[in-house]
Structure formats: structure tokens, C-alpha cells
Amino acid sequence: MTRRPEPGAAVVLVGGHESGNGADLSFVPDLMPGVFVSPAGRPLHNLLTQLLDRGGDVSGSDPQPVVVLPMTFGRNPTLIADTAKTLHWLSAAGGTTNAGPQLALSEPFGTPDHLTAWLRTAATEVRRREAASAVLITADAANPFDDADLYRISHLVRTHGAGIPVETAAVSSVEALLEAVQRLRLLGSTHAFVVPAGFRRAATVYSDVVPYGEEGFSGVEFYGALMSEKAVLRVISERVRDTLHALSHGRTGVEAGLQADHGHGYAHSHAFEESGGHSHPHSSGMAAGHPHSHPRPDRQELTGSPPHNHMQRPAR
């Protein structure tokens, strides 16, 4: 199952805490030649500089655009804004010229609504597998605001779910995950599936393996990847195609991306800005007003290849 992204474009996937800083996306370049994976910050800057120096293609052929895709379901708007800052800096520093490759920022991989839909599908699948089981939606702990979004989304899954218990845990260690499992038991659940709210494909917390089915995790199973490899590749292709279309109309996406994390975090006031004749609208990130679709979750796409991961624990 090998496919190429849109012809004439290099693609860089930027990973954050939803993908182990990109480690959970390591399968993509093997299946989509011409795609690179990088965490944000200096590694992204270095990779883009290399691609720009080579005309957007490691082969050094004719200049081609470089599409940069933030791999978030919308829970990490800071990833989008930081990525946009890197692209903005490279453009301002002369990293792109009329004769050289163009940089374009894609809209994020998904939105919180997409994540909610995939998690609801997983809850329905868990009920089909084991009607008496509970669902524990988990993610690596990130920061209070992104973690709060996880709990909000999980509440929507529970409220509109499949009629089974649904709990949530943003965890920083295997021990923290075990505590969440023990809370489920105190609530009366004797069996549970742990469902990852992101791109996790292996039974780990950060890079630590979770011994599901053993010792304290008896009666607990890892659900598996939330999306199949096929579904992930299809969404990436759609985002790249939409970005190249926007770029053909002169829209790079960078300016919108710079505002992606505006309003994310503690509340703030614009009173002084407005009194000085300056104001700006609030929106839900760069995707506001530009709806896009995800493939409909189905049972066949919820199964994938055996999990395999070389993720390194990010600095905490």
C-alpha cells in the first residue's frame, strides 16, 4: 500500500504531543515516498532549510513547493502556531525566492470534532467486542489546556457514546495509567479497553511499554490505533491537495497559522487594543470557516498492522 502525495510537492509532517513528537508517524514515509516527519522547532527549521536548498526535493530536481502539515487533531494549536513561525521566519530570511520552492502551511490534520467522531466509533467497536467493558481514553500528558480539551472531548464521547462507561486520563507514566485503571475498578468496571486519543499505535506511555493483561493491568487491553494506516494516508493526501490548491491562488496559510493559538490558554483582554482602534476576531484556530472532511470511520479501517514504535520520551 504505497502511495505518493500530490505530484510536484515535498511534504513535511510536524509532530507534537499527540504523536510522540512524530515517532508515531514513522510508518508514513515508508508508505508515502516524498514525505518527511519532524518535531517542531530547530529540527523542523533544519529540515526545511535542507529542502529549500535542494529545491524542495532531496533529489535536487526542479523547484517544487514544500507543504508543511501540523499533525494535530486540534488539541495542540501551539504546534500550528510554532510551525507557522518557522515558515514565516524562513520566508522573511530569504529562504524562499521567486525562482525557488514555495513554503505552504496546511490546515491541521484534523479538528476536535474529527477526534470526537473517531473516539465515538472506537467506543461503539469496544461495545461490539465486549459489551461489559469500559473505555479509558488516554493521551500523554501535555499541558493543562491541551489536557483539558481531552477531557472535554471524552465527555462528548461519553454523553453521545455507545452506552458503556467512558473515562479519561492524561498520563505521564505507566504508573499514572495504572492509577486511572484502578479508578475504573473502583467505579465497578472489571474489564477495560485503553483507547489512544491521537496517533499512538503501540501499547506505550511515552516510550515505556505498558504490560497490558499482566499484574495490575489484568483485564485491561490496548484497543490499538485509533485510525488505520490507510485512513491516515488518505487524510494526509487530502490536506496536501487542498494546500496546493490554496497556494495556486496565492494563499500560503502562514498568516492564518500564526494566529492558531490565539485564545488558547488563560483568558485575556483586548480593551487597550480596541481603545487604540485595533481589534481582531476570535476563532477556533486556522481551520475556522474552512471546513474539511475526514474519511468516515468504519470497522475495517480500525484495524492495522501490529504496533511498532521507537519513540523517545520528550522533555518534560
C-alpha atoms as a PDB file:
ATOM      1  CA  MET A   1       0.000   0.000   0.000  1.00  0.00           C
ATOM      2  CA  THR A   2       2.369   2.678  -1.235  1.00  0.00           C
ATOM      3  CA  ARG A   3       1.087   5.996  -2.488  1.00  0.00           C
ATOM      4  CA  ARG A   4       2.646   9.310  -3.336  1.00  0.00           C
ATOM      5  CA  PRO A   5       1.405  12.677  -2.114  1.00  0.00           C
ATOM      6  CA  GLU A   6       0.363  15.167  -4.754  1.00  0.00           C
ATOM      7  CA  PRO A   7       2.926  15.172  -7.578  1.00  0.00           C
ATOM      8  CA  GLY A   8       5.386  18.039  -7.578  1.00  0.00           C
ATOM      9  CA  ALA A   9       5.403  18.629  -3.827  1.00  0.00           C
ATOM     10  CA  ALA A  10       7.508  17.645  -0.841  1.00  0.00           C
ATOM     11  CA  VAL A  11       5.519  17.107   2.355  1.00  0.00           C
ATOM     12  CA  VAL A  12       6.692  17.561   5.937  1.00  0.00           C
ATOM     13  CA  LEU A  13       4.551  16.205   8.777  1.00  0.00           C
ATOM     14  CA  VAL A  14       5.129  18.073  12.036  1.00  0.00           C
ATOM     15  CA  GLY A  15       4.533  16.010  15.150  1.00  0.00           C
ATOM     16  CA  GLY A  16       3.665  17.165  18.651  1.00  0.00           C
ATOM     17  CA  HIS A  17       2.466  15.523  21.845  1.00  0.00           C
ATOM     18  CA  GLU A  18      -0.382  13.730  20.020  1.00  0.00           C
ATOM     19  CA  SER A  19       2.151  11.708  18.022  1.00  0.00           C
ATOM     20  CA  GLY A  20       5.127  11.383  20.359  1.00  0.00           C
ATOM     21  CA  ASN A  21       6.773  14.331  18.567  1.00  0.00           C
ATOM     22  CA  GLY A  22       6.365  12.448  15.303  1.00  0.00           C
ATOM     23  CA  ALA A  23       7.517   8.989  16.436  1.00  0.00           C
ATOM     24  CA  ASP A  24       4.020   7.548  15.976  1.00  0.00           C
ATOM     25  CA  LEU A  25       4.080   8.706  12.340  1.00  0.00           C
ATOM     26  CA  SER A  26       7.218   6.794  11.384  1.00  0.00           C
ATOM     27  CA  PHE A  27       5.224   4.451   9.145  1.00  0.00           C
ATOM     28  CA  VAL A  28       4.131   7.265   6.808  1.00  0.00           C
ATOM     29  CA  PRO A  29       7.392   7.884   4.871  1.00  0.00           C
ATOM     30  CA  ASP A  30       7.623   4.152   4.151  1.00  0.00           C
ATOM     31  CA  LEU A  31       4.187   4.244   2.528  1.00  0.00           C
ATOM     32  CA  MET A  32       4.323   7.738   1.012  1.00  0.00           C
ATOM     33  CA  PRO A  33       7.670   8.482  -0.683  1.00  0.00           C
ATOM     34  CA  GLY A  34       8.455  12.182  -0.583  1.00  0.00           C
ATOM     35  CA  VAL A  35       7.045  12.643   2.931  1.00  0.00           C
ATOM     36  CA  PHE A  36       9.229  13.620   5.894  1.00  0.00           C
ATOM     37  CA  VAL A  37       8.430  13.658   9.620  1.00  0.00           C
ATOM     38  CA  SER A  38       9.839  16.157  12.100  1.00  0.00           C
ATOM     39  CA  PRO A  39       9.095  17.625  15.503  1.00  0.00           C
ATOM     40  CA  ALA A  40       8.609  21.379  15.677  1.00  0.00           C
ATOM     41  CA  GLY A  41      11.384  23.830  16.460  1.00  0.00           C
ATOM     42  CA  ARG A  42      15.007  23.515  15.394  1.00  0.00           C
ATOM     43  CA  PRO A  43      14.661  20.063  13.735  1.00  0.00           C
ATOM     44  CA  LEU A  44      11.873  21.410  11.538  1.00  0.00           C
ATOM     45  CA  HIS A  45      13.891  24.513  10.701  1.00  0.00           C
ATOM     46  CA  ASN A  46      16.885  22.399   9.698  1.00  0.00           C
ATOM     47  CA  LEU A  47      14.828  20.022   7.569  1.00  0.00           C
ATOM     48  CA  LEU A  48      13.043  22.830   5.734  1.00  0.00           C
ATOM     49  CA  THR A  49      16.331  24.622   5.145  1.00  0.00           C
ATOM     50  CA  GLN A  50      17.710  21.448   3.590  1.00  0.00           C
ATOM     51  CA  LEU A  51      14.661  21.021   1.359  1.00  0.00           C
ATOM     52  CA  LEU A  52      14.737  24.667   0.284  1.00  0.00           C
ATOM     53  CA  ASP A  53      18.426  24.459  -0.529  1.00  0.00           C
ATOM     54  CA  ARG A  54      17.700  21.436  -2.707  1.00  0.00           C
ATOM     55  CA  GLY A  55      14.702  22.963  -4.423  1.00  0.00           C
ATOM     56  CA  GLY A  56      12.073  21.240  -2.317  1.00  0.00           C
ATOM     57  CA  ASP A  57      13.246  17.752  -3.295  1.00  0.00           C
ATOM     58  CA  VAL A  58      16.075  15.675  -1.862  1.00  0.00           C
ATOM     59  CA  SER A  59      16.958  14.686  -5.425  1.00  0.00           C
ATOM     60  CA  GLY A  60      17.688  18.324  -6.258  1.00  0.00           C
ATOM     61  CA  SER A  61      15.383  18.339  -9.281  1.00  0.00           C
ATOM     62  CA  ASP A  62      13.248  21.289 -10.405  1.00  0.00           C
ATOM     63  CA  PRO A  63      11.962  23.513  -7.576  1.00  0.00           C
ATOM     64  CA  GLN A  64       8.728  22.260  -6.077  1.00  0.00           C
ATOM     65  CA  PRO A  65       6.584  23.556  -3.232  1.00  0.00           C
ATOM     66  CA  VAL A  66       7.063  22.267   0.287  1.00  0.00           C
ATOM     67  CA  VAL A  67       3.799  21.573   2.133  1.00  0.00           C
ATOM     68  CA  VAL A  68       4.083  21.534   5.928  1.00  0.00           C
ATOM     69  CA  LEU A  69       1.281  19.696   7.723  1.00  0.00           C
ATOM     70  CA  PRO A  70       0.774  20.043  11.518  1.00  0.00           C
ATOM     71  CA  MET A  71      -0.246  16.591  12.751  1.00  0.00           C
ATOM     72  CA  THR A  72      -2.785  17.517  15.385  1.00  0.00           C
ATOM     73  CA  PHE A  73      -6.456  16.836  15.909  1.00  0.00           C
ATOM     74  CA  GLY A  74      -6.781  20.440  17.075  1.00  0.00           C
ATOM     75  CA  ARG A  75      -5.774  19.744  20.686  1.00  0.00           C
ATOM     76  CA  ASN A  76      -2.372  21.327  20.102  1.00  0.00           C
ATOM     77  CA  PRO A  77      -2.891  24.743  18.482  1.00  0.00           C
ATOM     78  CA  THR A  78       0.528  25.835  19.729  1.00  0.00           C
ATOM     79  CA  LEU A  79       2.055  23.273  17.364  1.00  0.00           C
ATOM     80  CA  ILE A  80       0.333  25.019  14.452  1.00  0.00           C
ATOM     81  CA  ALA A  81       1.440  28.488  15.556  1.00  0.00           C
ATOM     82  CA  ASP A  82       5.029  27.405  16.214  1.00  0.00           C
ATOM     83  CA  THR A  83       5.180  25.716  12.814  1.00  0.00           C
ATOM     84  CA  ALA A  84       3.841  28.869  11.175  1.00  0.00           C
ATOM     85  CA  LYS A  85       6.516  30.926  12.938  1.00  0.00           C
ATOM     86  CA  THR A  86       9.225  28.701  11.480  1.00  0.00           C
ATOM     87  CA  LEU A  87       7.816  29.096   7.973  1.00  0.00           C
ATOM     88  CA  HIS A  88       7.391  32.837   8.461  1.00  0.00           C
ATOM     89  CA  TRP A  89      10.980  33.225   9.652  1.00  0.00           C
ATOM     90  CA  LEU A  90      12.382  31.205   6.767  1.00  0.00           C
ATOM     91  CA  SER A  91      10.398  33.248   4.253  1.00  0.00           C
ATOM     92  CA  ALA A  92      11.427  36.546   5.859  1.00  0.00           C
ATOM     93  CA  ALA A  93      15.069  35.435   5.965  1.00  0.00           C
ATOM     94  CA  GLY A  94      15.063  34.825   2.227  1.00  0.00           C
ATOM     95  CA  GLY A  95      14.591  31.078   2.395  1.00  0.00           C
ATOM     96  CA  THR A  96      12.121  31.280  -0.489  1.00  0.00           C
ATOM     97  CA  THR A  97      12.515  33.243  -3.689  1.00  0.00           C
ATOM     98  CA  ASN A  98      10.544  33.639  -6.870  1.00  0.00           C
ATOM     99  CA  ALA A  99      12.848  31.132  -8.526  1.00  0.00           C
ATOM    100  CA  GLY A 100      12.977  28.734  -5.600  1.00  0.00           C
ATOM    101  CA  PRO A 101      10.455  26.455  -3.913  1.00  0.00           C
ATOM    102  CA  GLN A 102       7.478  27.886  -2.058  1.00  0.00           C
ATOM    103  CA  LEU A 103       6.579  27.076   1.536  1.00  0.00           C
ATOM    104  CA  ALA A 104       2.934  26.435   2.348  1.00  0.00           C
ATOM    105  CA  LEU A 105       1.281  25.625   5.669  1.00  0.00           C
ATOM    106  CA  SER A 106      -1.537  23.110   5.509  1.00  0.00           C
ATOM    107  CA  GLU A 107      -4.545  23.207   7.756  1.00  0.00           C
ATOM    108  CA  PRO A 108      -4.071  20.737  10.627  1.00  0.00           C
ATOM    109  CA  PHE A 109      -4.625  17.035  10.108  1.00  0.00           C
ATOM    110  CA  GLY A 110      -7.918  17.167  11.976  1.00  0.00           C
ATOM    111  CA  THR A 111     -10.175  19.032  14.363  1.00  0.00           C
ATOM    112  CA  PRO A 112     -11.590  18.189  17.802  1.00  0.00           C
ATOM    113  CA  ASP A 113     -14.834  17.202  16.058  1.00  0.00           C
ATOM    114  CA  HIS A 114     -12.930  14.671  13.955  1.00  0.00           C
ATOM    115  CA  LEU A 115     -11.274  13.266  17.064  1.00  0.00           C
ATOM    116  CA  THR A 116     -14.632  13.017  18.812  1.00  0.00           C
ATOM    117  CA  ALA A 117     -16.088  11.103  15.856  1.00  0.00           C
ATOM    118  CA  TRP A 118     -13.208   8.622  15.752  1.00  0.00           C
ATOM    119  CA  LEU A 119     -13.376   8.071  19.516  1.00  0.00           C
ATOM    120  CA  ARG A 120     -17.137   7.518  19.359  1.00  0.00           C
ATOM    121  CA  THR A 121     -16.526   4.914  16.659  1.00  0.00           C
ATOM    122  CA  ALA A 122     -13.968   3.244  18.915  1.00  0.00           C
ATOM    123  CA  ALA A 123     -16.442   3.190  21.825  1.00  0.00           C
ATOM    124  CA  THR A 124     -19.027   1.541  19.582  1.00  0.00           C
ATOM    125  CA  GLU A 125     -16.454  -1.031  18.478  1.00  0.00           C
ATOM    126  CA  VAL A 126     -15.499  -1.770  22.103  1.00  0.00           C
ATOM    127  CA  ARG A 127     -19.136  -2.413  22.954  1.00  0.00           C
ATOM    128  CA  ARG A 128     -19.374  -4.789  19.991  1.00  0.00           C
ATOM    129  CA  ARG A 129     -16.288  -6.680  21.175  1.00  0.00           C
ATOM    130  CA  GLU A 130     -17.144  -6.763  24.881  1.00  0.00           C
ATOM    131  CA  ALA A 131     -20.481  -5.299  25.960  1.00  0.00           C
ATOM    132  CA  ALA A 132     -19.499  -5.263  29.636  1.00  0.00           C
ATOM    133  CA  SER A 133     -16.240  -3.431  29.057  1.00  0.00           C
ATOM    134  CA  ALA A 134     -15.360   0.171  29.806  1.00  0.00           C
ATOM    135  CA  VAL A 135     -13.364   2.591  27.655  1.00  0.00           C
ATOM    136  CA  LEU A 136     -10.411   4.552  29.021  1.00  0.00           C
ATOM    137  CA  ILE A 137      -9.441   7.335  26.613  1.00  0.00           C
ATOM    138  CA  THR A 138      -5.806   8.267  27.156  1.00  0.00           C
ATOM    139  CA  ALA A 139      -3.085  10.559  25.902  1.00  0.00           C
ATOM    140  CA  ASP A 140       0.380  11.536  27.036  1.00  0.00           C
ATOM    141  CA  ALA A 141       0.108  14.467  29.434  1.00  0.00           C
ATOM    142  CA  ALA A 142       0.999  17.738  27.713  1.00  0.00           C
ATOM    143  CA  ASN A 143      -0.149  20.945  29.430  1.00  0.00           C
ATOM    144  CA  PRO A 144      -3.270  21.947  31.379  1.00  0.00           C
ATOM    145  CA  PHE A 145      -5.058  23.487  28.391  1.00  0.00           C
ATOM    146  CA  ASP A 146      -4.462  20.722  25.852  1.00  0.00           C
ATOM    147  CA  ASP A 147      -5.238  18.122  28.518  1.00  0.00           C
ATOM    148  CA  ALA A 148      -8.476  19.940  29.376  1.00  0.00           C
ATOM    149  CA  ASP A 149      -9.537  19.622  25.740  1.00  0.00           C
ATOM    150  CA  LEU A 150      -9.005  15.868  26.030  1.00  0.00           C
ATOM    151  CA  TYR A 151     -11.428  15.721  28.956  1.00  0.00           C
ATOM    152  CA  ARG A 152     -13.968  17.854  27.094  1.00  0.00           C
ATOM    153  CA  ILE A 153     -13.827  15.579  24.058  1.00  0.00           C
ATOM    154  CA  SER A 154     -14.091  12.466  26.221  1.00  0.00           C
ATOM    155  CA  HIS A 155     -17.172  13.922  27.896  1.00  0.00           C
ATOM    156  CA  LEU A 156     -18.784  14.285  24.466  1.00  0.00           C
ATOM    157  CA  VAL A 157     -17.905  10.677  23.649  1.00  0.00           C
ATOM    158  CA  ARG A 158     -19.411   9.539  26.948  1.00  0.00           C
ATOM    159  CA  THR A 159     -22.540  11.641  26.509  1.00  0.00           C
ATOM    160  CA  HIS A 160     -23.138  10.590  22.913  1.00  0.00           C
ATOM    161  CA  GLY A 161     -21.343   7.270  23.033  1.00  0.00           C
ATOM    162  CA  ALA A 162     -22.253   3.611  22.859  1.00  0.00           C
ATOM    163  CA  GLY A 163     -23.822   3.202  26.281  1.00  0.00           C
ATOM    164  CA  ILE A 164     -20.743   1.903  28.100  1.00  0.00           C
ATOM    165  CA  PRO A 165     -18.571   3.612  30.739  1.00  0.00           C
ATOM    166  CA  VAL A 166     -16.102   6.096  29.238  1.00  0.00           C
ATOM    167  CA  GLU A 167     -13.348   7.622  31.387  1.00  0.00           C
ATOM    168  CA  THR A 168     -10.312   9.765  30.631  1.00  0.00           C
ATOM    169  CA  ALA A 169      -6.677  10.046  31.659  1.00  0.00           C
ATOM    170  CA  ALA A 170      -3.856  12.311  30.512  1.00  0.00           C
ATOM    171  CA  VAL A 171      -0.871  10.412  31.886  1.00  0.00           C
ATOM    172  CA  SER A 172       2.850  10.996  32.248  1.00  0.00           C
ATOM    173  CA  SER A 173       3.918   7.460  33.193  1.00  0.00           C
ATOM    174  CA  VAL A 174       2.848   3.827  33.251  1.00  0.00           C
ATOM    175  CA  GLU A 175       2.193   4.244  36.975  1.00  0.00           C
ATOM    176  CA  ALA A 176      -0.195   7.131  36.295  1.00  0.00           C
ATOM    177  CA  LEU A 177      -2.050   4.977  33.766  1.00  0.00           C
ATOM    178  CA  LEU A 178      -2.330   2.202  36.355  1.00  0.00           C
ATOM    179  CA  GLU A 179      -3.895   4.684  38.790  1.00  0.00           C
ATOM    180  CA  ALA A 180      -6.501   5.546  36.144  1.00  0.00           C
ATOM    181  CA  VAL A 181      -7.239   1.835  35.682  1.00  0.00           C
ATOM    182  CA  GLN A 182      -7.652   1.425  39.424  1.00  0.00           C
ATOM    183  CA  ARG A 183     -10.141   4.296  39.482  1.00  0.00           C
ATOM    184  CA  LEU A 184     -12.138   2.477  36.808  1.00  0.00           C
ATOM    185  CA  ARG A 185     -12.219  -0.617  39.016  1.00  0.00           C
ATOM    186  CA  LEU A 186     -13.467   1.421  41.957  1.00  0.00           C
ATOM    187  CA  LEU A 187     -16.291   2.591  39.694  1.00  0.00           C
ATOM    188  CA  GLY A 188     -17.257  -1.022  39.075  1.00  0.00           C
ATOM    189  CA  SER A 189     -15.537  -1.872  35.779  1.00  0.00           C
ATOM    190  CA  THR A 190     -13.746  -5.233  35.689  1.00  0.00           C
ATOM    191  CA  HIS A 191     -12.599  -5.010  32.070  1.00  0.00           C
ATOM    192  CA  ALA A 192     -11.434  -2.042  30.009  1.00  0.00           C
ATOM    193  CA  PHE A 193     -10.003  -1.080  26.636  1.00  0.00           C
ATOM    194  CA  VAL A 194      -7.449   1.729  26.585  1.00  0.00           C
ATOM    195  CA  VAL A 195      -8.104   3.892  23.514  1.00  0.00           C
ATOM    196  CA  PRO A 196      -5.425   6.396  22.396  1.00  0.00           C
ATOM    197  CA  ALA A 197      -6.685   9.905  21.602  1.00  0.00           C
ATOM    198  CA  GLY A 198      -4.105  10.586  18.921  1.00  0.00           C
ATOM    199  CA  PHE A 199      -1.705   8.758  16.619  1.00  0.00           C
ATOM    200  CA  ARG A 200      -0.370   6.234  19.139  1.00  0.00           C
ATOM    201  CA  ARG A 201      -0.047   2.784  17.566  1.00  0.00           C
ATOM    202  CA  ALA A 202       1.842   0.933  20.286  1.00  0.00           C
ATOM    203  CA  ALA A 203       0.989  -0.056  23.843  1.00  0.00           C
ATOM    204  CA  THR A 204       3.166   2.595  25.460  1.00  0.00           C
ATOM    205  CA  VAL A 205       3.122   5.723  27.583  1.00  0.00           C
ATOM    206  CA  TYR A 206       5.755   7.938  26.043  1.00  0.00           C
ATOM    207  CA  SER A 207       8.349   5.258  25.195  1.00  0.00           C
ATOM    208  CA  ASP A 208       7.582   2.984  28.164  1.00  0.00           C
ATOM    209  CA  VAL A 209       5.812  -0.295  27.335  1.00  0.00           C
ATOM    210  CA  VAL A 210       2.573  -0.950  29.218  1.00  0.00           C
ATOM    211  CA  PRO A 211       2.189  -4.610  30.342  1.00  0.00           C
ATOM    212  CA  TYR A 212      -1.469  -4.964  29.389  1.00  0.00           C
ATOM    213  CA  GLY A 213      -3.037  -8.175  30.657  1.00  0.00           C
ATOM    214  CA  GLU A 214      -0.386  -8.623  33.344  1.00  0.00           C
ATOM    215  CA  GLU A 215      -0.150  -7.791  37.044  1.00  0.00           C
ATOM    216  CA  GLY A 216      -2.007  -4.550  37.765  1.00  0.00           C
ATOM    217  CA  PHE A 217      -3.181  -4.363  34.151  1.00  0.00           C
ATOM    218  CA  SER A 218      -5.032  -7.694  34.204  1.00  0.00           C
ATOM    219  CA  GLY A 219      -8.387  -7.298  32.495  1.00  0.00           C
ATOM    220  CA  VAL A 220      -7.096  -4.309  30.529  1.00  0.00           C
ATOM    221  CA  GLU A 221      -6.460  -4.376  26.760  1.00  0.00           C
ATOM    222  CA  PHE A 222      -4.918  -1.892  24.365  1.00  0.00           C
ATOM    223  CA  TYR A 223      -7.501  -1.007  21.736  1.00  0.00           C
ATOM    224  CA  GLY A 224      -4.933  -0.372  19.022  1.00  0.00           C
ATOM    225  CA  ALA A 225      -4.502   2.542  16.660  1.00  0.00           C
ATOM    226  CA  LEU A 226      -7.437   4.936  16.506  1.00  0.00           C
ATOM    227  CA  MET A 227      -7.108   5.236  12.717  1.00  0.00           C
ATOM    228  CA  SER A 228      -5.810   2.689  10.239  1.00  0.00           C
ATOM    229  CA  GLU A 229      -2.704   3.484   8.236  1.00  0.00           C
ATOM    230  CA  LYS A 230      -4.889   3.708   5.140  1.00  0.00           C
ATOM    231  CA  ALA A 231      -7.152   6.312   6.733  1.00  0.00           C
ATOM    232  CA  VAL A 232      -4.200   8.410   7.935  1.00  0.00           C
ATOM    233  CA  LEU A 233      -2.637   8.392   4.465  1.00  0.00           C
ATOM    234  CA  ARG A 234      -5.911   9.415   2.853  1.00  0.00           C
ATOM    235  CA  VAL A 235      -6.339  12.422   5.131  1.00  0.00           C
ATOM    236  CA  ILE A 236      -2.740  13.500   4.523  1.00  0.00           C
ATOM    237  CA  SER A 237      -3.320  13.341   0.758  1.00  0.00           C
ATOM    238  CA  GLU A 238      -6.471  15.443   1.095  1.00  0.00           C
ATOM    239  CA  ARG A 239      -4.732  18.104   3.172  1.00  0.00           C
ATOM    240  CA  VAL A 240      -1.820  18.325   0.734  1.00  0.00           C
ATOM    241  CA  ARG A 241      -4.151  18.610  -2.247  1.00  0.00           C
ATOM    242  CA  ASP A 242      -6.176  21.380  -0.574  1.00  0.00           C
ATOM    243  CA  THR A 243      -2.991  23.241   0.390  1.00  0.00           C
ATOM    244  CA  LEU A 244      -1.593  23.153  -3.128  1.00  0.00           C
ATOM    245  CA  HIS A 245      -4.915  24.435  -4.449  1.00  0.00           C
ATOM    246  CA  ALA A 246      -4.792  27.346  -1.989  1.00  0.00           C
ATOM    247  CA  LEU A 247      -1.163  28.007  -2.912  1.00  0.00           C
ATOM    248  CA  SER A 248      -2.127  28.226  -6.589  1.00  0.00           C
ATOM    249  CA  HIS A 249      -4.357  31.136  -5.551  1.00  0.00           C
ATOM    250  CA  GLY A 250      -1.557  32.832  -3.617  1.00  0.00           C
ATOM    251  CA  ARG A 251      -2.537  31.631  -0.121  1.00  0.00           C
ATOM    252  CA  THR A 252       0.343  30.104   1.849  1.00  0.00           C
ATOM    253  CA  GLY A 253      -1.611  29.555   5.075  1.00  0.00           C
ATOM    254  CA  VAL A 254       1.207  31.015   7.175  1.00  0.00           C
ATOM    255  CA  GLU A 255      -0.547  34.181   8.329  1.00  0.00           C
ATOM    256  CA  ALA A 256      -3.598  32.228   9.483  1.00  0.00           C
ATOM    257  CA  GLY A 257      -1.357  29.693  11.214  1.00  0.00           C
ATOM    258  CA  LEU A 258       0.363  32.401  13.242  1.00  0.00           C
ATOM    259  CA  GLN A 259      -2.987  33.074  14.957  1.00  0.00           C
ATOM    260  CA  ALA A 260      -3.831  29.414  15.587  1.00  0.00           C
ATOM    261  CA  ASP A 261      -3.166  29.501  19.327  1.00  0.00           C
ATOM    262  CA  HIS A 262      -4.795  32.877  19.908  1.00  0.00           C
ATOM    263  CA  GLY A 263      -7.310  32.476  22.717  1.00  0.00           C
ATOM    264  CA  HIS A 264      -5.841  29.128  23.760  1.00  0.00           C
ATOM    265  CA  GLY A 265      -4.873  29.356  27.396  1.00  0.00           C
ATOM    266  CA  TYR A 266      -5.767  31.892  30.042  1.00  0.00           C
ATOM    267  CA  ALA A 267      -8.355  34.498  29.126  1.00  0.00           C
ATOM    268  CA  HIS A 268      -7.054  37.930  28.197  1.00  0.00           C
ATOM    269  CA  SER A 269      -8.453  41.343  27.383  1.00  0.00           C
ATOM    270  CA  HIS A 270      -8.275  43.442  24.214  1.00  0.00           C
ATOM    271  CA  ALA A 271      -9.553  46.589  25.897  1.00  0.00           C
ATOM    272  CA  PHE A 272      -6.391  48.578  25.234  1.00  0.00           C
ATOM    273  CA  GLU A 273      -6.144  47.328  21.664  1.00  0.00           C
ATOM    274  CA  GLU A 274      -9.732  48.286  20.899  1.00  0.00           C
ATOM    275  CA  SER A 275      -9.387  51.723  22.536  1.00  0.00           C
ATOM    276  CA  GLY A 276      -6.450  52.337  20.212  1.00  0.00           C
ATOM    277  CA  GLY A 277      -8.502  51.481  17.154  1.00  0.00           C
ATOM    278  CA  HIS A 278      -7.194  47.929  16.836  1.00  0.00           C
ATOM    279  CA  SER A 279      -9.168  44.751  17.254  1.00  0.00           C
ATOM    280  CA  HIS A 280      -9.161  41.249  15.855  1.00  0.00           C
ATOM    281  CA  PRO A 281     -11.678  38.420  15.763  1.00  0.00           C
ATOM    282  CA  HIS A 282     -11.537  35.231  17.799  1.00  0.00           C
ATOM    283  CA  SER A 283     -11.801  31.934  16.013  1.00  0.00           C
ATOM    284  CA  SER A 284     -11.160  28.254  16.632  1.00  0.00           C
ATOM    285  CA  GLY A 285      -7.745  28.177  15.012  1.00  0.00           C
ATOM    286  CA  MET A 286      -6.771  28.365  11.378  1.00  0.00           C
ATOM    287  CA  ALA A 287      -9.441  25.927  10.314  1.00  0.00           C
ATOM    288  CA  ALA A 288     -12.310  28.231  11.307  1.00  0.00           C
ATOM    289  CA  GLY A 289     -14.534  28.957   8.364  1.00  0.00           C
ATOM    290  CA  HIS A 290     -12.762  26.364   6.226  1.00  0.00           C
ATOM    291  CA  PRO A 291     -14.456  23.007   6.891  1.00  0.00           C
ATOM    292  CA  HIS A 292     -12.794  19.844   5.714  1.00  0.00           C
ATOM    293  CA  SER A 293     -13.724  16.218   5.939  1.00  0.00           C
ATOM    294  CA  HIS A 294     -12.231  13.035   7.299  1.00  0.00           C
ATOM    295  CA  PRO A 295     -12.929   9.582   5.931  1.00  0.00           C
ATOM    296  CA  ARG A 296     -15.900   8.047   7.704  1.00  0.00           C
ATOM    297  CA  PRO A 297     -14.615   5.725  10.443  1.00  0.00           C
ATOM    298  CA  ASP A 298     -15.534   2.140   9.709  1.00  0.00           C
ATOM    299  CA  ARG A 299     -14.769  -1.144  11.372  1.00  0.00           C
ATOM    300  CA  GLN A 300     -12.306  -2.379   8.757  1.00  0.00           C
ATOM    301  CA  GLU A 301     -10.176   0.744   8.986  1.00  0.00           C
ATOM    302  CA  LEU A 302      -9.919   0.439  12.748  1.00  0.00           C
ATOM    303  CA  THR A 303      -7.526  -2.487  12.386  1.00  0.00           C
ATOM    304  CA  GLY A 304      -3.941  -2.035  11.320  1.00  0.00           C
ATOM    305  CA  SER A 305      -0.541  -3.670  11.353  1.00  0.00           C
ATOM    306  CA  PRO A 306       0.990  -4.883  14.629  1.00  0.00           C
ATOM    307  CA  PRO A 307       2.195  -1.920  16.692  1.00  0.00           C
ATOM    308  CA  HIS A 308       5.866  -0.983  16.462  1.00  0.00           C
ATOM    309  CA  ASN A 309       7.424   2.135  17.899  1.00  0.00           C
ATOM    310  CA  HIS A 310      10.836   3.661  18.606  1.00  0.00           C
ATOM    311  CA  MET A 311       9.504   6.718  20.364  1.00  0.00           C
ATOM    312  CA  GLN A 312      11.791   8.711  22.581  1.00  0.00           C
ATOM    313  CA  ARG A 313      10.403  10.355  25.670  1.00  0.00           C
ATOM    314  CA  PRO A 314      10.083  14.109  25.014  1.00  0.00           C
ATOM    315  CA  ALA A 315      11.466  16.545  27.565  1.00  0.00           C
ATOM    316  CA  ARG A 316       9.004  17.234  30.308  1.00  0.00           C
END
